[in-house]
Amino acid sequence: MTKGIVISLYDFTGEALKPWAEAGYDCYAYDIQHPVEGRTEGGIHYRRADLHNKDNLLALPSEFSDKPVVFGMAFPVCTDMAVSGAAHFKRKAERDPEFQTKAVQYAKWCGELFDALGVPYFVENPVSVLATKWRKPDHSFHPYEYGGYIPDDQAEHPRWPEYIAPRDGYKKKTCLWTGGGFVMPTKVSVDPEKYHGNGYSTAMMKLGGKSQRTKDIRSATPRGFAKAVYEFNSQPVEEMA
């Protein structure tokens, strides 16, 4: 019997869901990159969905309305919102004056979906225009601040060790918009200086180009943060009644 259902939107890697899946929760990762036929691996159901189509999001509350959903998370595309890309905003606006309004709306829809389901949740983005075009973030963190949740014998990143520092020992300010009783986990830091000089990921900076692979690596959920969120927000269904 499942402990409950966890939903993750704009999630290609499934990294944020792994602690939940390993603990026996039924997990769903939605992203347009997943195969049409879907797949299930490690207790995570990977489903293809164009989440920029609101009809696809509106279908989810109906699908899960009578099921024990206990947590939600979302990682909406930041390309048109992150301040790190501000140099390109003018050119994008010339092509589509509504480009940023649309991007912000996609993020807001995620929060509205989880509010409709009545579950704790977070919507994640780097430092971005969401802070002014939606509302100020409720929390922010750097990956290294949760690296202490990763055991020493699991320090090396299992998928991209050449780019992601051991135990998430790097800086990258990340913001969270939360609701439904989300609990921000206690920070247990590792020293980013130990891995990357001033703490910023020099390996990550080597990722050039605009390929989807580059975007996936840069946006991968820090493992330590994922573990911490699980530890502070997981409850059996019967305890949430």
Protein backbone atom coordinates (compact mmCIF):
# COMPACT_ATOMS: atom_id res chain seq x y z
CA MET A 1 0.00 0.00 0.00
CA THR A 2 1.34 3.42 -0.96
CA LYS A 3 2.05 5.99 1.73
CA GLY A 4 0.59 8.62 -0.56
CA ILE A 5 1.10 10.29 -3.93
CA VAL A 6 3.67 12.97 -4.74
CA ILE A 7 3.44 15.01 -7.95
CA SER A 8 6.33 16.84 -9.60
CA LEU A 9 5.82 19.18 -12.58
CA TYR A 10 8.40 20.17 -15.18
CA ASP A 11 10.51 17.33 -13.84
CA PHE A 12 12.76 15.45 -16.25
CA THR A 13 15.34 13.90 -13.92
CA GLY A 14 13.03 12.79 -11.12
CA GLU A 15 15.78 13.66 -8.64
CA ALA A 16 13.45 15.57 -6.35
CA LEU A 17 11.13 12.56 -6.15
CA LYS A 18 13.72 9.90 -5.36
CA PRO A 19 13.66 10.22 -1.55
CA TRP A 20 9.87 9.92 -1.60
CA ALA A 21 9.90 6.95 -4.00
CA GLU A 22 12.55 5.15 -1.95
CA ALA A 23 10.36 5.55 1.13
CA GLY A 24 7.35 3.95 -0.57
CA TYR A 25 5.40 6.91 -1.92
CA ASP A 26 3.79 6.70 -5.36
CA CYS A 27 5.51 9.39 -7.44
CA TYR A 28 4.61 11.09 -10.73
CA ALA A 29 7.01 13.24 -12.77
CA TYR A 30 5.46 15.26 -15.61
CA ASP A 31 7.55 16.79 -18.37
CA ILE A 32 7.34 17.24 -22.11
CA GLN A 33 10.65 15.37 -22.54
CA HIS A 34 9.28 12.04 -21.31
CA PRO A 35 8.31 9.45 -23.94
CA VAL A 36 4.73 9.47 -25.16
CA GLU A 37 4.17 5.99 -23.77
CA GLY A 38 5.62 6.98 -20.40
CA ARG A 39 7.78 4.79 -18.21
CA THR A 40 8.13 3.72 -14.59
CA GLU A 41 11.49 3.42 -12.90
CA GLY A 42 12.47 3.23 -9.25
CA GLY A 43 8.91 3.83 -8.09
CA ILE A 44 8.56 6.99 -10.21
CA HIS A 45 6.04 7.23 -13.04
CA TYR A 46 7.45 9.47 -15.78
CA ARG A 47 4.64 10.91 -17.89
CA ARG A 48 4.82 13.10 -20.96
CA ALA A 49 2.84 16.34 -20.68
CA ASP A 50 2.96 19.76 -22.29
CA LEU A 51 2.45 21.81 -19.14
CA HIS A 52 2.29 25.05 -21.12
CA ASN A 53 -1.14 23.83 -22.18
CA LYS A 54 -3.47 24.70 -19.32
CA ASP A 55 -5.90 21.94 -20.29
CA ASN A 56 -3.24 19.39 -19.35
CA LEU A 57 -2.85 20.97 -15.92
CA LEU A 58 -6.59 21.24 -15.41
CA ALA A 59 -6.89 17.51 -16.04
CA LEU A 60 -4.65 16.65 -13.09
CA PRO A 61 -6.98 17.66 -10.23
CA SER A 62 -9.68 15.44 -11.73
CA GLU A 63 -7.23 12.55 -12.12
CA PHE A 64 -6.05 12.77 -8.54
CA SER A 65 -9.09 14.23 -6.75
CA ASP A 66 -10.04 10.92 -5.11
CA LYS A 67 -6.46 9.80 -4.48
CA PRO A 68 -4.19 10.44 -1.48
CA VAL A 69 -1.94 13.20 -2.86
CA VAL A 70 0.33 14.40 -0.04
CA PHE A 71 2.86 16.74 -1.65
CA GLY A 72 3.56 18.70 -4.83
CA MET A 73 6.54 20.40 -6.41
CA ALA A 74 7.19 22.25 -9.65
CA PHE A 75 10.22 23.46 -11.59
CA PRO A 76 8.77 25.71 -14.33
CA VAL A 77 11.08 26.66 -17.18
CA CYS A 78 13.20 29.64 -16.09
CA THR A 79 14.68 30.60 -19.48
CA ASP A 80 12.36 33.59 -19.93
CA MET A 81 12.38 34.66 -16.27
CA ALA A 82 15.83 34.21 -14.69
CA VAL A 83 17.69 37.48 -14.22
CA SER A 84 20.83 35.75 -15.48
CA GLY A 85 19.26 35.95 -18.93
CA ALA A 86 18.14 39.57 -18.70
CA ALA A 87 20.44 40.59 -21.55
CA HIS A 88 18.17 38.66 -23.91
CA PHE A 89 14.84 40.00 -22.63
CA LYS A 90 14.66 42.94 -25.05
CA ARG A 91 15.22 40.73 -28.09
CA LYS A 92 12.64 38.23 -26.87
CA ALA A 93 10.10 40.99 -26.23
CA GLU A 94 10.51 42.21 -29.79
CA ARG A 95 9.52 38.77 -31.03
CA ASP A 96 6.75 38.27 -28.48
CA PRO A 97 5.73 41.12 -26.16
CA GLU A 98 3.90 38.59 -23.97
CA PHE A 99 6.80 36.14 -23.60
CA GLN A 100 7.41 36.91 -19.94
CA THR A 101 3.76 37.21 -19.00
CA LYS A 102 3.24 33.71 -20.36
CA ALA A 103 6.25 32.29 -18.52
CA VAL A 104 5.08 33.76 -15.22
CA GLN A 105 1.58 32.41 -15.78
CA TYR A 106 2.94 28.87 -16.25
CA ALA A 107 4.57 29.09 -12.82
CA LYS A 108 1.45 30.50 -11.19
CA TRP A 109 -0.66 27.72 -12.65
CA CYS A 110 1.46 25.20 -10.75
CA GLY A 111 0.69 26.87 -7.45
CA GLU A 112 -3.00 27.05 -8.34
CA LEU A 113 -3.03 23.33 -9.13
CA PHE A 114 -1.51 22.37 -5.80
CA ASP A 115 -3.82 24.75 -3.96
CA ALA A 116 -6.74 23.00 -5.66
CA LEU A 117 -5.40 19.64 -4.47
CA GLY A 118 -4.95 21.04 -0.96
CA VAL A 119 -1.39 19.81 -0.45
CA PRO A 120 1.91 21.33 0.76
CA TYR A 121 4.07 22.39 -2.18
CA PHE A 122 6.86 24.49 -3.56
CA VAL A 123 7.45 26.12 -6.93
CA GLU A 124 11.17 26.52 -7.66
CA ASN A 125 13.05 29.03 -9.79
CA PRO A 126 16.39 30.80 -9.69
CA VAL A 127 16.46 34.53 -8.95
CA SER A 128 13.86 35.68 -11.47
CA VAL A 129 11.12 38.11 -12.39
CA LEU A 130 8.64 35.94 -10.51
CA ALA A 131 9.57 38.03 -7.47
CA THR A 132 8.04 41.12 -9.08
CA LYS A 133 5.52 39.68 -11.54
CA TRP A 134 4.01 37.14 -9.12
CA ARG A 135 5.14 37.73 -5.53
CA LYS A 136 8.30 37.65 -3.48
CA PRO A 137 9.65 34.15 -2.81
CA ASP A 138 8.95 32.62 0.58
CA HIS A 139 12.41 31.04 0.89
CA SER A 140 15.77 30.83 -0.84
CA PHE A 141 18.83 28.61 -0.51
CA HIS A 142 22.13 27.51 -2.04
CA PRO A 143 22.71 23.79 -2.78
CA TYR A 144 25.69 23.57 -0.40
CA GLU A 145 23.43 24.57 2.50
CA TYR A 146 21.77 21.15 2.29
CA GLY A 147 24.81 19.10 1.28
CA GLY A 148 25.04 17.73 4.80
CA TYR A 149 22.02 15.53 4.13
CA ILE A 150 24.08 13.51 1.63
CA PRO A 151 26.13 10.73 3.28
CA ASP A 152 29.88 10.68 2.65
CA ASP A 153 29.63 7.37 0.80
CA GLN A 154 27.13 8.96 -1.63
CA ALA A 155 29.05 12.22 -2.09
CA GLU A 156 29.67 11.84 -5.83
CA HIS A 157 26.75 12.76 -8.01
CA PRO A 158 25.41 9.52 -9.57
CA ARG A 159 24.55 11.07 -12.90
CA TRP A 160 26.76 14.08 -13.62
CA PRO A 161 29.80 13.91 -11.30
CA GLU A 162 31.93 15.84 -13.78
CA TYR A 163 29.66 18.88 -13.42
CA ILE A 164 27.92 18.73 -10.05
CA ALA A 165 30.17 19.02 -7.00
CA PRO A 166 30.30 16.24 -4.39
CA ARG A 167 27.58 16.65 -1.76
CA ASP A 168 26.19 19.60 -3.74
CA GLY A 169 29.09 21.72 -2.53
CA TYR A 170 28.43 24.78 -4.68
CA LYS A 171 26.53 28.06 -4.65
CA LYS A 172 23.50 28.76 -6.80
CA LYS A 173 20.80 30.91 -5.26
CA THR A 174 17.46 29.21 -5.68
CA CYS A 175 14.08 30.63 -4.68
CA LEU A 176 10.91 28.89 -3.54
CA TRP A 177 7.29 29.98 -3.69
CA THR A 178 5.43 27.76 -1.26
CA GLY A 179 1.99 26.99 0.09
CA GLY A 180 -0.28 24.45 1.75
CA GLY A 181 1.78 24.20 4.91
CA PHE A 182 5.14 23.52 3.29
CA VAL A 183 7.93 23.24 5.87
CA MET A 184 11.31 24.70 4.91
CA PRO A 185 13.89 22.17 6.11
CA THR A 186 16.72 23.01 8.48
CA LYS A 187 19.99 23.72 6.70
CA VAL A 188 22.93 21.36 7.19
CA SER A 189 25.75 22.90 5.18
CA VAL A 190 28.96 21.65 3.66
CA ASP A 191 31.83 23.98 2.82
CA PRO A 192 31.63 25.11 -0.82
CA GLU A 193 35.15 26.51 -0.60
CA LYS A 194 36.40 22.95 -0.28
CA TYR A 195 35.23 22.16 -3.78
CA HIS A 196 35.18 25.26 -5.93
CA GLY A 197 37.31 28.14 -4.68
CA ASN A 198 34.79 30.90 -4.10
CA GLY A 199 31.99 28.35 -3.91
CA TYR A 200 30.45 28.81 -7.33
CA SER A 201 30.49 25.75 -9.53
CA THR A 202 33.32 26.17 -12.02
CA ALA A 203 32.43 22.79 -13.49
CA MET A 204 28.83 23.88 -14.02
CA MET A 205 30.06 27.03 -15.71
CA LYS A 206 31.82 24.90 -18.31
CA LEU A 207 28.44 23.82 -19.62
CA GLY A 208 28.13 25.93 -22.72
CA GLY A 209 25.54 26.11 -25.44
CA LYS A 210 21.76 25.94 -25.36
CA SER A 211 21.29 22.19 -25.61
CA GLN A 212 18.54 20.49 -23.62
CA ARG A 213 21.20 18.42 -21.86
CA THR A 214 22.88 21.60 -20.60
CA LYS A 215 19.55 22.91 -19.33
CA ASP A 216 18.77 19.60 -17.62
CA ILE A 217 22.10 19.53 -15.77
CA ARG A 218 21.90 23.15 -14.70
CA SER A 219 18.35 22.71 -13.43
CA ALA A 220 18.79 19.34 -11.70
CA THR A 221 17.40 19.41 -8.17
CA PRO A 222 20.18 19.30 -5.56
CA ARG A 223 20.11 15.88 -3.92
CA GLY A 224 20.64 17.20 -0.42
CA PHE A 225 17.77 19.63 -0.70
CA ALA A 226 15.52 16.88 -2.07
CA LYS A 227 16.34 14.64 0.92
CA ALA A 228 15.76 17.48 3.37
CA VAL A 229 12.39 18.41 1.86
CA TYR A 230 11.29 14.80 2.17
CA GLU A 231 12.40 14.51 5.78
CA PHE A 232 10.56 17.66 6.85
CA ASN A 233 7.38 17.26 4.78
CA SER A 234 6.61 13.54 4.67
CA GLN A 235 3.73 12.16 6.66
CA PRO A 236 1.68 8.98 6.25
CA VAL A 237 -1.74 9.64 4.74
CA GLU A 238 -3.56 8.76 7.96
CA GLU A 239 -1.63 11.46 9.84
CA MET A 240 -2.73 14.13 7.37
CA ALA A 241 -6.45 13.40 7.72
